[in-house]
C-alpha cells in the first residue's frame, strides 16, 4: 500500500469521525435547548400538555348518554335500587351489542370503553353538562347513581327521595 493511499484512508476516517461528532454535538445541543424550554415552562407554571378531543361521529355521545339513562331508570323500575358505574357500563354494552345484532347501531361507532361510558354518566348528573335542569341522574355517592327525584311525581318521588336519603346516610 502506498504512503499516499494510507494518508488518504486516514484522512477519510478522520473526516467521518468529525462528521459523526458534529452530528452528535448538534443532537445534544437541540436536546439541551428542549430541556431548557421545559425547565423555563415549569418554573413559570406554563407547562400544559396538549389537549386531545377525538373526532366522534354526530350523535354518538348522545346515544351513549341515552343508553346510560335507560340503564339507571330501568334498574330503578325493576329493582328499586341505585346503579353503580360498573352495572351501567355493562348494561350499555349489552344494549349496544343487541342493537348491533339487529343492525340498528351504526357500523362505524363500535363498542365504547368503560371509561367512555363512565364519562357520559358523570355528565348526566350535572345540569351545565347535560343541558337539562333537573338533570336525569343524581349521584348519591361516588360511582352510584339514581334517577333524579325531581323527574318523578308524588308517591314515586317520595320513594326515590327515601332511597337517596338511605344511601347517603349509609343504610
C-alpha atoms as a PDB file:
ATOM      1  CA  UNK A   1       0.000   0.000   0.000  1.00  0.00           C
ATOM      2  CA  UNK A   2       1.412   3.337  -0.948  1.00  0.00           C
ATOM      3  CA  UNK A   3       2.064   6.114   1.519  1.00  0.00           C
ATOM      4  CA  UNK A   4      -0.380   8.422  -0.261  1.00  0.00           C
ATOM      5  CA  UNK A   5      -3.155   5.822  -0.162  1.00  0.00           C
ATOM      6  CA  UNK A   6      -2.645   5.250   3.593  1.00  0.00           C
ATOM      7  CA  UNK A   7      -2.765   9.013   4.208  1.00  0.00           C
ATOM      8  CA  UNK A   8      -5.959   9.266   2.200  1.00  0.00           C
ATOM      9  CA  UNK A   9      -7.581   6.451   4.225  1.00  0.00           C
ATOM     10  CA  UNK A  10      -6.596   8.149   7.499  1.00  0.00           C
ATOM     11  CA  UNK A  11      -7.988  11.457   6.242  1.00  0.00           C
ATOM     12  CA  UNK A  12     -11.318   9.785   5.238  1.00  0.00           C
ATOM     13  CA  UNK A  13     -11.552   8.095   8.660  1.00  0.00           C
ATOM     14  CA  UNK A  14     -10.841  11.379  10.449  1.00  0.00           C
ATOM     15  CA  UNK A  15     -13.438  13.220   8.355  1.00  0.00           C
ATOM     16  CA  UNK A  16     -16.044  10.515   9.029  1.00  0.00           C
ATOM     17  CA  UNK A  17     -15.331  10.680  12.774  1.00  0.00           C
ATOM     18  CA  UNK A  18     -15.528  14.502  12.681  1.00  0.00           C
ATOM     19  CA  UNK A  19     -18.875  14.359  10.858  1.00  0.00           C
ATOM     20  CA  UNK A  20     -20.265  11.905  13.445  1.00  0.00           C
ATOM     21  CA  UNK A  21     -19.046  14.100  16.323  1.00  0.00           C
ATOM     22  CA  UNK A  22     -20.673  17.167  14.748  1.00  0.00           C
ATOM     23  CA  UNK A  23     -23.976  15.319  14.282  1.00  0.00           C
ATOM     24  CA  UNK A  24     -23.927  14.110  17.889  1.00  0.00           C
ATOM     25  CA  UNK A  25     -22.986  17.608  19.110  1.00  0.00           C
ATOM     26  CA  UNK A  26     -25.903  19.104  17.149  1.00  0.00           C
ATOM     27  CA  UNK A  27     -28.313  16.488  18.606  1.00  0.00           C
ATOM     28  CA  UNK A  28     -27.096  17.218  22.142  1.00  0.00           C
ATOM     29  CA  UNK A  29     -27.471  20.999  21.647  1.00  0.00           C
ATOM     30  CA  UNK A  30     -31.057  20.532  20.411  1.00  0.00           C
ATOM     31  CA  UNK A  31     -31.852  18.289  23.374  1.00  0.00           C
ATOM     32  CA  UNK A  32     -30.330  20.835  25.773  1.00  0.00           C
ATOM     33  CA  UNK A  33     -32.445  23.626  24.243  1.00  0.00           C
ATOM     34  CA  UNK A  34     -35.557  21.471  24.567  1.00  0.00           C
ATOM     35  CA  UNK A  35     -34.808  20.729  28.228  1.00  0.00           C
ATOM     36  CA  UNK A  36     -34.154  24.407  28.940  1.00  0.00           C
ATOM     37  CA  UNK A  37     -37.549  25.320  27.399  1.00  0.00           C
ATOM     38  CA  UNK A  38     -39.276  22.678  29.528  1.00  0.00           C
ATOM     39  CA  UNK A  39     -37.483  23.895  32.652  1.00  0.00           C
ATOM     40  CA  UNK A  40     -38.468  27.508  31.919  1.00  0.00           C
ATOM     41  CA  UNK A  41     -42.073  26.488  31.316  1.00  0.00           C
ATOM     42  CA  UNK A  42     -42.194  24.542  34.577  1.00  0.00           C
ATOM     43  CA  UNK A  43     -40.745  27.456  36.525  1.00  0.00           C
ATOM     44  CA  UNK A  44     -43.367  29.748  35.052  1.00  0.00           C
ATOM     45  CA  UNK A  45     -46.120  27.149  35.595  1.00  0.00           C
ATOM     46  CA  UNK A  46     -46.988  27.367  31.924  1.00  0.00           C
ATOM     47  CA  UNK A  47     -46.377  23.756  31.004  1.00  0.00           C
ATOM     48  CA  UNK A  48     -49.622  22.191  29.860  1.00  0.00           C
ATOM     49  CA  UNK A  49     -49.950  19.034  27.862  1.00  0.00           C
ATOM     50  CA  UNK A  50     -51.698  19.450  24.545  1.00  0.00           C
ATOM     51  CA  UNK A  51     -55.408  18.757  24.817  1.00  0.00           C
ATOM     52  CA  UNK A  52     -56.912  15.947  22.805  1.00  0.00           C
ATOM     53  CA  UNK A  53     -60.520  15.798  21.746  1.00  0.00           C
ATOM     54  CA  UNK A  54     -61.210  12.883  19.471  1.00  0.00           C
ATOM     55  CA  UNK A  55     -63.352  13.350  16.394  1.00  0.00           C
ATOM     56  CA  UNK A  56     -66.555  11.422  17.125  1.00  0.00           C
ATOM     57  CA  UNK A  57     -69.489  10.789  14.826  1.00  0.00           C
ATOM     58  CA  UNK A  58     -72.509  13.058  15.251  1.00  0.00           C
ATOM     59  CA  UNK A  59     -74.927  11.611  17.795  1.00  0.00           C
ATOM     60  CA  UNK A  60     -72.543   9.010  19.254  1.00  0.00           C
ATOM     61  CA  UNK A  61     -72.181  10.614  22.691  1.00  0.00           C
ATOM     62  CA  UNK A  62     -75.900  11.422  22.843  1.00  0.00           C
ATOM     63  CA  UNK A  63     -76.692   7.774  22.101  1.00  0.00           C
ATOM     64  CA  UNK A  64     -74.372   6.655  24.930  1.00  0.00           C
ATOM     65  CA  UNK A  65     -75.980   9.129  27.340  1.00  0.00           C
ATOM     66  CA  UNK A  66     -79.447   7.918  26.376  1.00  0.00           C
ATOM     67  CA  UNK A  67     -78.481   4.274  26.963  1.00  0.00           C
ATOM     68  CA  UNK A  68     -76.945   5.174  30.341  1.00  0.00           C
ATOM     69  CA  UNK A  69     -80.169   6.927  31.430  1.00  0.00           C
ATOM     70  CA  UNK A  70     -82.198   3.911  30.279  1.00  0.00           C
ATOM     71  CA  UNK A  71     -79.942   1.661  32.350  1.00  0.00           C
ATOM     72  CA  UNK A  72     -80.363   3.683  35.557  1.00  0.00           C
ATOM     73  CA  UNK A  73     -84.121   4.156  35.180  1.00  0.00           C
ATOM     74  CA  UNK A  74     -84.584   0.514  34.146  1.00  0.00           C
ATOM     75  CA  UNK A  75     -82.742  -0.753  37.226  1.00  0.00           C
ATOM     76  CA  UNK A  76     -84.806   1.581  39.414  1.00  0.00           C
ATOM     77  CA  UNK A  77     -88.070   0.378  37.843  1.00  0.00           C
ATOM     78  CA  UNK A  78     -87.136  -3.314  38.083  1.00  0.00           C
ATOM     79  CA  UNK A  79     -85.257  -3.477  41.372  1.00  0.00           C
ATOM     80  CA  UNK A  80     -85.910  -0.168  43.188  1.00  0.00           C
ATOM     81  CA  UNK A  81     -82.210   0.416  43.765  1.00  0.00           C
ATOM     82  CA  UNK A  82     -79.336   2.608  42.630  1.00  0.00           C
ATOM     83  CA  UNK A  83     -76.915   1.646  39.855  1.00  0.00           C
ATOM     84  CA  UNK A  84     -73.134   1.503  40.051  1.00  0.00           C
ATOM     85  CA  UNK A  85     -70.899   2.648  37.219  1.00  0.00           C
ATOM     86  CA  UNK A  86     -69.917  -0.977  36.538  1.00  0.00           C
ATOM     87  CA  UNK A  87     -73.572  -2.017  36.211  1.00  0.00           C
ATOM     88  CA  UNK A  88     -74.376   0.937  33.964  1.00  0.00           C
ATOM     89  CA  UNK A  89     -71.394   0.178  31.746  1.00  0.00           C
ATOM     90  CA  UNK A  90     -72.363  -3.492  31.472  1.00  0.00           C
ATOM     91  CA  UNK A  91     -75.976  -2.559  30.627  1.00  0.00           C
ATOM     92  CA  UNK A  92     -74.912  -0.037  27.980  1.00  0.00           C
ATOM     93  CA  UNK A  93     -72.530  -2.504  26.318  1.00  0.00           C
ATOM     94  CA  UNK A  94     -75.205  -5.213  26.397  1.00  0.00           C
ATOM     95  CA  UNK A  95     -77.708  -2.838  24.784  1.00  0.00           C
ATOM     96  CA  UNK A  96     -75.175  -1.850  22.106  1.00  0.00           C
ATOM     97  CA  UNK A  97     -74.413  -5.496  21.306  1.00  0.00           C
ATOM     98  CA  UNK A  98     -78.141  -6.131  20.961  1.00  0.00           C
ATOM     99  CA  UNK A  99     -78.506  -3.115  18.660  1.00  0.00           C
ATOM    100  CA  UNK A 100     -75.506  -4.281  16.615  1.00  0.00           C
ATOM    101  CA  UNK A 101     -77.064  -7.711  16.187  1.00  0.00           C
ATOM    102  CA  UNK A 102     -80.254  -6.064  14.941  1.00  0.00           C
ATOM    103  CA  UNK A 103     -78.290  -3.791  12.610  1.00  0.00           C
ATOM    104  CA  UNK A 104     -79.557  -0.675  14.403  1.00  0.00           C
ATOM    105  CA  UNK A 105     -76.181   0.512  15.738  1.00  0.00           C
ATOM    106  CA  UNK A 106     -74.139   2.365  13.088  1.00  0.00           C
ATOM    107  CA  UNK A 107     -71.184   0.249  11.939  1.00  0.00           C
ATOM    108  CA  UNK A 108     -68.524   2.898  12.437  1.00  0.00           C
ATOM    109  CA  UNK A 109     -69.429   3.600  16.051  1.00  0.00           C
ATOM    110  CA  UNK A 110     -68.127   0.416  17.634  1.00  0.00           C
ATOM    111  CA  UNK A 111     -68.261  -0.576  21.293  1.00  0.00           C
ATOM    112  CA  UNK A 112     -67.162   2.162  23.732  1.00  0.00           C
ATOM    113  CA  UNK A 113     -64.744   1.592  26.600  1.00  0.00           C
ATOM    114  CA  UNK A 114     -65.946   1.546  30.188  1.00  0.00           C
ATOM    115  CA  UNK A 115     -64.186   4.869  30.768  1.00  0.00           C
ATOM    116  CA  UNK A 116     -66.094   6.491  27.895  1.00  0.00           C
ATOM    117  CA  UNK A 117     -69.387   5.317  29.376  1.00  0.00           C
ATOM    118  CA  UNK A 118     -68.328   6.499  32.853  1.00  0.00           C
ATOM    119  CA  UNK A 119     -67.656   9.982  31.457  1.00  0.00           C
ATOM    120  CA  UNK A 120     -71.101  10.139  29.859  1.00  0.00           C
ATOM    121  CA  UNK A 121     -72.747   9.061  33.137  1.00  0.00           C
ATOM    122  CA  UNK A 122     -70.800  11.718  35.034  1.00  0.00           C
ATOM    123  CA  UNK A 123     -72.068  14.328  32.586  1.00  0.00           C
ATOM    124  CA  UNK A 124     -75.676  13.276  33.213  1.00  0.00           C
ATOM    125  CA  UNK A 125     -75.813  14.431  36.823  1.00  0.00           C
ATOM    126  CA  UNK A 126     -74.552  17.963  36.134  1.00  0.00           C
ATOM    127  CA  UNK A 127     -77.124  20.370  34.624  1.00  0.00           C
ATOM    128  CA  UNK A 128     -74.421  22.506  32.993  1.00  0.00           C
ATOM    129  CA  UNK A 129     -73.007  19.497  31.130  1.00  0.00           C
ATOM    130  CA  UNK A 130     -76.174  17.680  30.122  1.00  0.00           C
ATOM    131  CA  UNK A 131     -78.208  20.800  29.328  1.00  0.00           C
ATOM    132  CA  UNK A 132     -81.185  19.674  31.392  1.00  0.00           C
ATOM    133  CA  UNK A 133     -82.444  21.063  34.682  1.00  0.00           C
ATOM    134  CA  UNK A 134     -83.049  18.976  36.684  1.00  0.00           C
ATOM    135  CA  UNK A 135     -80.533  16.519  35.265  1.00  0.00           C
ATOM    136  CA  UNK A 136     -81.776  12.981  34.577  1.00  0.00           C
ATOM    137  CA  UNK A 137     -79.448  11.358  37.127  1.00  0.00           C
ATOM    138  CA  UNK A 138     -78.473  12.026  40.700  1.00  0.00           C
ATOM    139  CA  UNK A 139     -75.087  10.958  42.064  1.00  0.00           C
ATOM    140  CA  UNK A 140     -75.882   9.692  45.568  1.00  0.00           C
ATOM    141  CA  UNK A 141     -72.292   8.779  46.375  1.00  0.00           C
ATOM    142  CA  UNK A 142     -69.152   8.264  44.291  1.00  0.00           C
ATOM    143  CA  UNK A 143     -69.887   5.817  41.491  1.00  0.00           C
ATOM    144  CA  UNK A 144     -73.555   5.288  42.467  1.00  0.00           C
ATOM    145  CA  UNK A 145     -76.423   6.869  40.518  1.00  0.00           C
ATOM    146  CA  UNK A 146     -80.194   7.033  40.750  1.00  0.00           C
ATOM    147  CA  UNK A 147     -82.940   8.719  38.764  1.00  0.00           C
ATOM    148  CA  UNK A 148     -83.313  12.346  39.832  1.00  0.00           C
ATOM    149  CA  UNK A 149     -86.287  12.623  42.242  1.00  0.00           C
ATOM    150  CA  UNK A 150     -87.480  15.876  40.633  1.00  0.00           C
ATOM    151  CA  UNK A 151     -88.334  13.900  37.497  1.00  0.00           C
ATOM    152  CA  UNK A 152     -90.990  11.911  39.361  1.00  0.00           C
ATOM    153  CA  UNK A 153     -94.345  12.896  40.800  1.00  0.00           C
ATOM    154  CA  UNK A 154     -95.998  12.300  44.191  1.00  0.00           C
ATOM    155  CA  UNK A 155     -95.512   8.768  45.542  1.00  0.00           C
ATOM    156  CA  UNK A 156     -92.762   7.828  43.124  1.00  0.00           C
ATOM    157  CA  UNK A 157     -90.821  10.970  44.050  1.00  0.00           C
ATOM    158  CA  UNK A 158     -91.175  10.184  47.750  1.00  0.00           C
ATOM    159  CA  UNK A 159     -89.813   6.656  47.221  1.00  0.00           C
ATOM    160  CA  UNK A 160     -86.824   7.915  45.242  1.00  0.00           C
ATOM    161  CA  UNK A 161     -86.076  10.600  47.847  1.00  0.00           C
ATOM    162  CA  UNK A 162     -86.230   7.988  50.633  1.00  0.00           C
ATOM    163  CA  UNK A 163     -83.821   5.726  48.754  1.00  0.00           C
ATOM    164  CA  UNK A 164     -81.453   8.657  48.140  1.00  0.00           C
ATOM    165  CA  UNK A 165     -81.514   9.595  51.838  1.00  0.00           C
ATOM    166  CA  UNK A 166     -80.892   5.982  52.857  1.00  0.00           C
ATOM    167  CA  UNK A 167     -77.916   5.651  50.511  1.00  0.00           C
ATOM    168  CA  UNK A 168     -76.393   8.935  51.579  1.00  0.00           C
ATOM    169  CA  UNK A 169     -76.749   8.078  55.269  1.00  0.00           C
ATOM    170  CA  UNK A 170     -75.111   4.698  54.708  1.00  0.00           C
ATOM    171  CA  UNK A 171     -78.112   2.446  55.385  1.00  0.00           C
END
